[in-house]
Amino acid sequence: DAGALPIELDVSKMEMGDVVELRPYEGKALKNGEVIAEFKVKSDVLFDEVRAGGRIPLIIG
């Protein structure tokens, strides 16, 4: 409800302090330009909720 983007992905190739680039529309996580994990957002509506700042603001408009 808070407008966060929940994702689940394999973090085995990540270390503490890594700078990771997330590309949610592509479903990829990159480190140093290399794809280290792939994921799928469970619903495309989540992108709308994030843009609106949460589910309630999206519903209210």
PDB file of N, CA and C in Angstrom:
ATOM      1  N   ASP A   1       0.797  -1.204   0.000  1.00  0.00           N
ATOM      2  CA  ASP A   1       0.000   0.000   0.000  1.00  0.00           C
ATOM      3  C   ASP A   1       0.841   1.271   0.000  1.00  0.00           C
ATOM      4  N   ALA A   2       2.144   1.141   0.292  1.00  0.00           N
ATOM      5  CA  ALA A   2       2.993   2.320   0.444  1.00  0.00           C
ATOM      6  C   ALA A   2       3.666   2.753  -0.851  1.00  0.00           C
ATOM      7  N   GLY A   3       3.458   2.029  -1.930  1.00  0.00           N
ATOM      8  CA  GLY A   3       4.080   2.411  -3.188  1.00  0.00           C
ATOM      9  C   GLY A   3       5.454   1.811  -3.398  1.00  0.00           C
ATOM     10  N   ALA A   4       5.805   0.787  -2.605  1.00  0.00           N
ATOM     11  CA  ALA A   4       7.086   0.107  -2.778  1.00  0.00           C
ATOM     12  C   ALA A   4       6.968  -0.894  -3.925  1.00  0.00           C
ATOM     13  N   LEU A   5       8.096  -1.265  -4.503  1.00  0.00           N
ATOM     14  CA  LEU A   5       8.103  -2.235  -5.599  1.00  0.00           C
ATOM     15  C   LEU A   5       8.670  -3.555  -5.080  1.00  0.00           C
ATOM     16  N   PRO A   6       7.807  -4.514  -4.719  1.00  0.00           N
ATOM     17  CA  PRO A   6       8.301  -5.793  -4.209  1.00  0.00           C
ATOM     18  C   PRO A   6       8.796  -6.681  -5.345  1.00  0.00           C
ATOM     19  N   ILE A   7      10.001  -7.200  -5.199  1.00  0.00           N
ATOM     20  CA  ILE A   7      10.547  -8.134  -6.181  1.00  0.00           C
ATOM     21  C   ILE A   7      11.210  -9.283  -5.431  1.00  0.00           C
ATOM     22  N   GLU A   8      11.274 -10.436  -6.065  1.00  0.00           N
ATOM     23  CA  GLU A   8      11.982 -11.593  -5.535  1.00  0.00           C
ATOM     24  C   GLU A   8      13.000 -12.012  -6.581  1.00  0.00           C
ATOM     25  N   LEU A   9      14.264 -12.176  -6.146  1.00  0.00           N
ATOM     26  CA  LEU A   9      15.297 -12.600  -7.076  1.00  0.00           C
ATOM     27  C   LEU A   9      16.427 -13.291  -6.338  1.00  0.00           C
ATOM     28  N   ASP A  10      17.205 -14.041  -7.073  1.00  0.00           N
ATOM     29  CA  ASP A  10      18.364 -14.749  -6.533  1.00  0.00           C
ATOM     30  C   ASP A  10      19.443 -13.736  -6.180  1.00  0.00           C
ATOM     31  N   VAL A  11      19.903 -13.751  -4.941  1.00  0.00           N
ATOM     32  CA  VAL A  11      20.918 -12.793  -4.495  1.00  0.00           C
ATOM     33  C   VAL A  11      22.273 -13.458  -4.271  1.00  0.00           C
ATOM     34  N   SER A  12      22.448 -14.680  -4.759  1.00  0.00           N
ATOM     35  CA  SER A  12      23.686 -15.422  -4.508  1.00  0.00           C
ATOM     36  C   SER A  12      24.919 -14.764  -5.130  1.00  0.00           C
ATOM     37  N   LYS A  13      24.739 -13.940  -6.153  1.00  0.00           N
ATOM     38  CA  LYS A  13      25.877 -13.270  -6.789  1.00  0.00           C
ATOM     39  C   LYS A  13      26.081 -11.854  -6.269  1.00  0.00           C
ATOM     40  N   MET A  14      25.391 -11.510  -5.170  1.00  0.00           N
ATOM     41  CA  MET A  14      25.526 -10.182  -4.574  1.00  0.00           C
ATOM     42  C   MET A  14      26.311 -10.274  -3.278  1.00  0.00           C
ATOM     43  N   GLU A  15      27.108  -9.250  -3.028  1.00  0.00           N
ATOM     44  CA  GLU A  15      27.890  -9.154  -1.798  1.00  0.00           C
ATOM     45  C   GLU A  15      27.527  -7.854  -1.098  1.00  0.00           C
ATOM     46  N   MET A  16      27.809  -7.791   0.196  1.00  0.00           N
ATOM     47  CA  MET A  16      27.566  -6.572   0.965  1.00  0.00           C
ATOM     48  C   MET A  16      28.337  -5.418   0.329  1.00  0.00           C
ATOM     49  N   GLY A  17      27.668  -4.301   0.109  1.00  0.00           N
ATOM     50  CA  GLY A  17      28.311  -3.119  -0.454  1.00  0.00           C
ATOM     51  C   GLY A  17      28.264  -3.027  -1.970  1.00  0.00           C
ATOM     52  N   ASP A  18      27.773  -4.063  -2.646  1.00  0.00           N
ATOM     53  CA  ASP A  18      27.655  -4.010  -4.104  1.00  0.00           C
ATOM     54  C   ASP A  18      26.675  -2.918  -4.523  1.00  0.00           C
ATOM     55  N   VAL A  19      26.986  -2.275  -5.623  1.00  0.00           N
ATOM     56  CA  VAL A  19      26.048  -1.342  -6.239  1.00  0.00           C
ATOM     57  C   VAL A  19      25.352  -2.124  -7.345  1.00  0.00           C
ATOM     58  N   VAL A  20      24.051  -2.291  -7.189  1.00  0.00           N
ATOM     59  CA  VAL A  20      23.279  -3.114  -8.112  1.00  0.00           C
ATOM     60  C   VAL A  20      22.277  -2.232  -8.845  1.00  0.00           C
ATOM     61  N   GLU A  21      22.220  -2.397 -10.141  1.00  0.00           N
ATOM     62  CA  GLU A  21      21.262  -1.654 -10.967  1.00  0.00           C
ATOM     63  C   GLU A  21      20.063  -2.557 -11.240  1.00  0.00           C
ATOM     64  N   LEU A  22      18.873  -2.104 -10.853  1.00  0.00           N
ATOM     65  CA  LEU A  22      17.656  -2.863 -11.113  1.00  0.00           C
ATOM     66  C   LEU A  22      16.948  -2.289 -12.325  1.00  0.00           C
ATOM     67  N   ARG A  23      16.568  -3.154 -13.219  1.00  0.00           N
ATOM     68  CA  ARG A  23      15.785  -2.764 -14.391  1.00  0.00           C
ATOM     69  C   ARG A  23      14.456  -3.518 -14.322  1.00  0.00           C
ATOM     70  N   PRO A  24      13.495  -2.945 -13.600  1.00  0.00           N
ATOM     71  CA  PRO A  24      12.252  -3.686 -13.353  1.00  0.00           C
ATOM     72  C   PRO A  24      11.436  -3.997 -14.606  1.00  0.00           C
ATOM     73  N   TYR A  25      11.453  -3.124 -15.594  1.00  0.00           N
ATOM     74  CA  TYR A  25      10.683  -3.397 -16.811  1.00  0.00           C
ATOM     75  C   TYR A  25      11.308  -4.534 -17.615  1.00  0.00           C
ATOM     76  N   GLU A  26      12.629  -4.670 -17.530  1.00  0.00           N
ATOM     77  CA  GLU A  26      13.326  -5.753 -18.220  1.00  0.00           C
ATOM     78  C   GLU A  26      13.414  -6.997 -17.351  1.00  0.00           C
ATOM     79  N   GLY A  27      13.211  -6.843 -16.039  1.00  0.00           N
ATOM     80  CA  GLY A  27      13.309  -7.972 -15.118  1.00  0.00           C
ATOM     81  C   GLY A  27      14.739  -8.425 -14.907  1.00  0.00           C
ATOM     82  N   LYS A  28      15.662  -7.463 -14.798  1.00  0.00           N
ATOM     83  CA  LYS A  28      17.078  -7.804 -14.649  1.00  0.00           C
ATOM     84  C   LYS A  28      17.724  -7.012 -13.521  1.00  0.00           C
ATOM     85  N   ALA A  29      18.706  -7.643 -12.876  1.00  0.00           N
ATOM     86  CA  ALA A  29      19.570  -6.977 -11.904  1.00  0.00           C
ATOM     87  C   ALA A  29      20.985  -7.063 -12.460  1.00  0.00           C
ATOM     88  N   LEU A  30      21.681  -5.916 -12.500  1.00  0.00           N
ATOM     89  CA  LEU A  30      23.023  -5.874 -13.065  1.00  0.00           C
ATOM     90  C   LEU A  30      24.033  -5.388 -12.038  1.00  0.00           C
ATOM     91  N   LYS A  31      25.231  -5.941 -12.136  1.00  0.00           N
ATOM     92  CA  LYS A  31      26.370  -5.476 -11.346  1.00  0.00           C
ATOM     93  C   LYS A  31      27.517  -5.281 -12.325  1.00  0.00           C
ATOM     94  N   ASN A  32      28.044  -4.073 -12.377  1.00  0.00           N
ATOM     95  CA  ASN A  32      29.117  -3.732 -13.322  1.00  0.00           C
ATOM     96  C   ASN A  32      28.717  -4.032 -14.767  1.00  0.00           C
ATOM     97  N   GLY A  33      27.446  -3.800 -15.095  1.00  0.00           N
ATOM     98  CA  GLY A  33      26.965  -4.001 -16.455  1.00  0.00           C
ATOM     99  C   GLY A  33      26.645  -5.437 -16.815  1.00  0.00           C
ATOM    100  N   GLU A  34      26.877  -6.372 -15.899  1.00  0.00           N
ATOM    101  CA  GLU A  34      26.642  -7.793 -16.163  1.00  0.00           C
ATOM    102  C   GLU A  34      25.367  -8.234 -15.449  1.00  0.00           C
ATOM    103  N   VAL A  35      24.529  -8.974 -16.144  1.00  0.00           N
ATOM    104  CA  VAL A  35      23.294  -9.480 -15.539  1.00  0.00           C
ATOM    105  C   VAL A  35      23.657 -10.538 -14.503  1.00  0.00           C
ATOM    106  N   ILE A  36      23.242 -10.302 -13.256  1.00  0.00           N
ATOM    107  CA  ILE A  36      23.532 -11.263 -12.186  1.00  0.00           C
ATOM    108  C   ILE A  36      22.271 -11.987 -11.711  1.00  0.00           C
ATOM    109  N   ALA A  37      21.103 -11.481 -12.089  1.00  0.00           N
ATOM    110  CA  ALA A  37      19.849 -12.144 -11.724  1.00  0.00           C
ATOM    111  C   ALA A  37      18.735 -11.643 -12.626  1.00  0.00           C
ATOM    112  N   GLU A  38      17.760 -12.496 -12.817  1.00  0.00           N
ATOM    113  CA  GLU A  38      16.571 -12.116 -13.567  1.00  0.00           C
ATOM    114  C   GLU A  38      15.355 -12.377 -12.698  1.00  0.00           C
ATOM    115  N   PHE A  39      14.321 -11.588 -12.888  1.00  0.00           N
ATOM    116  CA  PHE A  39      13.112 -11.721 -12.090  1.00  0.00           C
ATOM    117  C   PHE A  39      11.920 -11.270 -12.907  1.00  0.00           C
ATOM    118  N   LYS A  40      10.738 -11.551 -12.388  1.00  0.00           N
ATOM    119  CA  LYS A  40       9.504 -11.120 -13.046  1.00  0.00           C
ATOM    120  C   LYS A  40       8.631 -10.451 -12.000  1.00  0.00           C
ATOM    121  N   VAL A  41       8.175  -9.248 -12.299  1.00  0.00           N
ATOM    122  CA  VAL A  41       7.237  -8.551 -11.423  1.00  0.00           C
ATOM    123  C   VAL A  41       5.905  -9.290 -11.533  1.00  0.00           C
ATOM    124  N   LYS A  42       5.295  -9.592 -10.394  1.00  0.00           N
ATOM    125  CA  LYS A  42       4.110 -10.456 -10.383  1.00  0.00           C
ATOM    126  C   LYS A  42       2.899  -9.857 -11.093  1.00  0.00           C
ATOM    127  N   SER A  43       2.818  -8.534 -11.144  1.00  0.00           N
ATOM    128  CA  SER A  43       1.677  -7.892 -11.809  1.00  0.00           C
ATOM    129  C   SER A  43       2.123  -6.542 -12.364  1.00  0.00           C
ATOM    130  N   ASP A  44       1.733  -6.250 -13.583  1.00  0.00           N
ATOM    131  CA  ASP A  44       2.084  -4.958 -14.183  1.00  0.00           C
ATOM    132  C   ASP A  44       1.414  -3.795 -13.461  1.00  0.00           C
ATOM    133  N   VAL A  45       0.349  -4.073 -12.708  1.00  0.00           N
ATOM    134  CA  VAL A  45      -0.343  -3.030 -11.947  1.00  0.00           C
ATOM    135  C   VAL A  45       0.584  -2.454 -10.877  1.00  0.00           C
ATOM    136  N   LEU A  46       1.564  -3.237 -10.421  1.00  0.00           N
ATOM    137  CA  LEU A  46       2.513  -2.748  -9.412  1.00  0.00           C
ATOM    138  C   LEU A  46       3.240  -1.499  -9.889  1.00  0.00           C
ATOM    139  N   PHE A  47       3.547  -1.417 -11.168  1.00  0.00           N
ATOM    140  CA  PHE A  47       4.217  -0.227 -11.692  1.00  0.00           C
ATOM    141  C   PHE A  47       3.326   1.004 -11.541  1.00  0.00           C
ATOM    142  N   ASP A  48       2.034   0.835 -11.794  1.00  0.00           N
ATOM    143  CA  ASP A  48       1.088   1.946 -11.622  1.00  0.00           C
ATOM    144  C   ASP A  48       0.993   2.355 -10.158  1.00  0.00           C
ATOM    145  N   GLU A  49       0.989   1.360  -9.249  1.00  0.00           N
ATOM    146  CA  GLU A  49       0.915   1.653  -7.817  1.00  0.00           C
ATOM    147  C   GLU A  49       2.141   2.432  -7.348  1.00  0.00           C
ATOM    148  N   VAL A  50       3.315   2.062  -7.840  1.00  0.00           N
ATOM    149  CA  VAL A  50       4.546   2.765  -7.461  1.00  0.00           C
ATOM    150  C   VAL A  50       4.492   4.207  -7.956  1.00  0.00           C
ATOM    151  N   ARG A  51       4.082   4.401  -9.210  1.00  0.00           N
ATOM    152  CA  ARG A  51       3.984   5.752  -9.768  1.00  0.00           C
ATOM    153  C   ARG A  51       3.016   6.623  -8.979  1.00  0.00           C
ATOM    154  N   ALA A  52       1.928   6.013  -8.487  1.00  0.00           N
ATOM    155  CA  ALA A  52       0.904   6.769  -7.764  1.00  0.00           C
ATOM    156  C   ALA A  52       1.271   6.997  -6.302  1.00  0.00           C
ATOM    157  N   GLY A  53       2.293   6.301  -5.811  1.00  0.00           N
ATOM    158  CA  GLY A  53       2.677   6.441  -4.405  1.00  0.00           C
ATOM    159  C   GLY A  53       1.939   5.486  -3.488  1.00  0.00           C
ATOM    160  N   GLY A  54       1.326   4.467  -4.053  1.00  0.00           N
ATOM    161  CA  GLY A  54       0.626   3.459  -3.265  1.00  0.00           C
ATOM    162  C   GLY A  54      -0.670   3.044  -3.927  1.00  0.00           C
ATOM    163  N   ARG A  55      -1.255   1.979  -3.386  1.00  0.00           N
ATOM    164  CA  ARG A  55      -2.487   1.454  -3.979  1.00  0.00           C
ATOM    165  C   ARG A  55      -3.674   2.381  -3.739  1.00  0.00           C
ATOM    166  N   ILE A  56      -3.783   2.915  -2.535  1.00  0.00           N
ATOM    167  CA  ILE A  56      -4.915   3.796  -2.215  1.00  0.00           C
ATOM    168  C   ILE A  56      -4.908   5.055  -3.090  1.00  0.00           C
ATOM    169  N   PRO A  57      -3.763   5.772  -3.219  1.00  0.00           N
ATOM    170  CA  PRO A  57      -3.760   6.933  -4.121  1.00  0.00           C
ATOM    171  C   PRO A  57      -4.102   6.562  -5.570  1.00  0.00           C
ATOM    172  N   LEU A  58      -3.723   5.354  -5.984  1.00  0.00           N
ATOM    173  CA  LEU A  58      -4.051   4.912  -7.341  1.00  0.00           C
ATOM    174  C   LEU A  58      -5.563   4.742  -7.491  1.00  0.00           C
ATOM    175  N   ILE A  59      -6.199   4.152  -6.485  1.00  0.00           N
ATOM    176  CA  ILE A  59      -7.643   3.925  -6.540  1.00  0.00           C
ATOM    177  C   ILE A  59      -8.404   5.249  -6.490  1.00  0.00           C
ATOM    178  N   ILE A  60      -7.970   6.145  -5.603  1.00  0.00           N
ATOM    179  CA  ILE A  60      -8.653   7.431  -5.440  1.00  0.00           C
ATOM    180  C   ILE A  60      -8.471   8.304  -6.679  1.00  0.00           C
ATOM    181  N   GLY A  61      -7.263   8.210  -7.257  1.00  0.00           N
ATOM    182  CA  GLY A  61      -6.997   8.958  -8.477  1.00  0.00           C
ATOM    183  C   GLY A  61      -6.400  10.268  -8.179  1.00  0.00           C
TER     184      GLY A  61
END
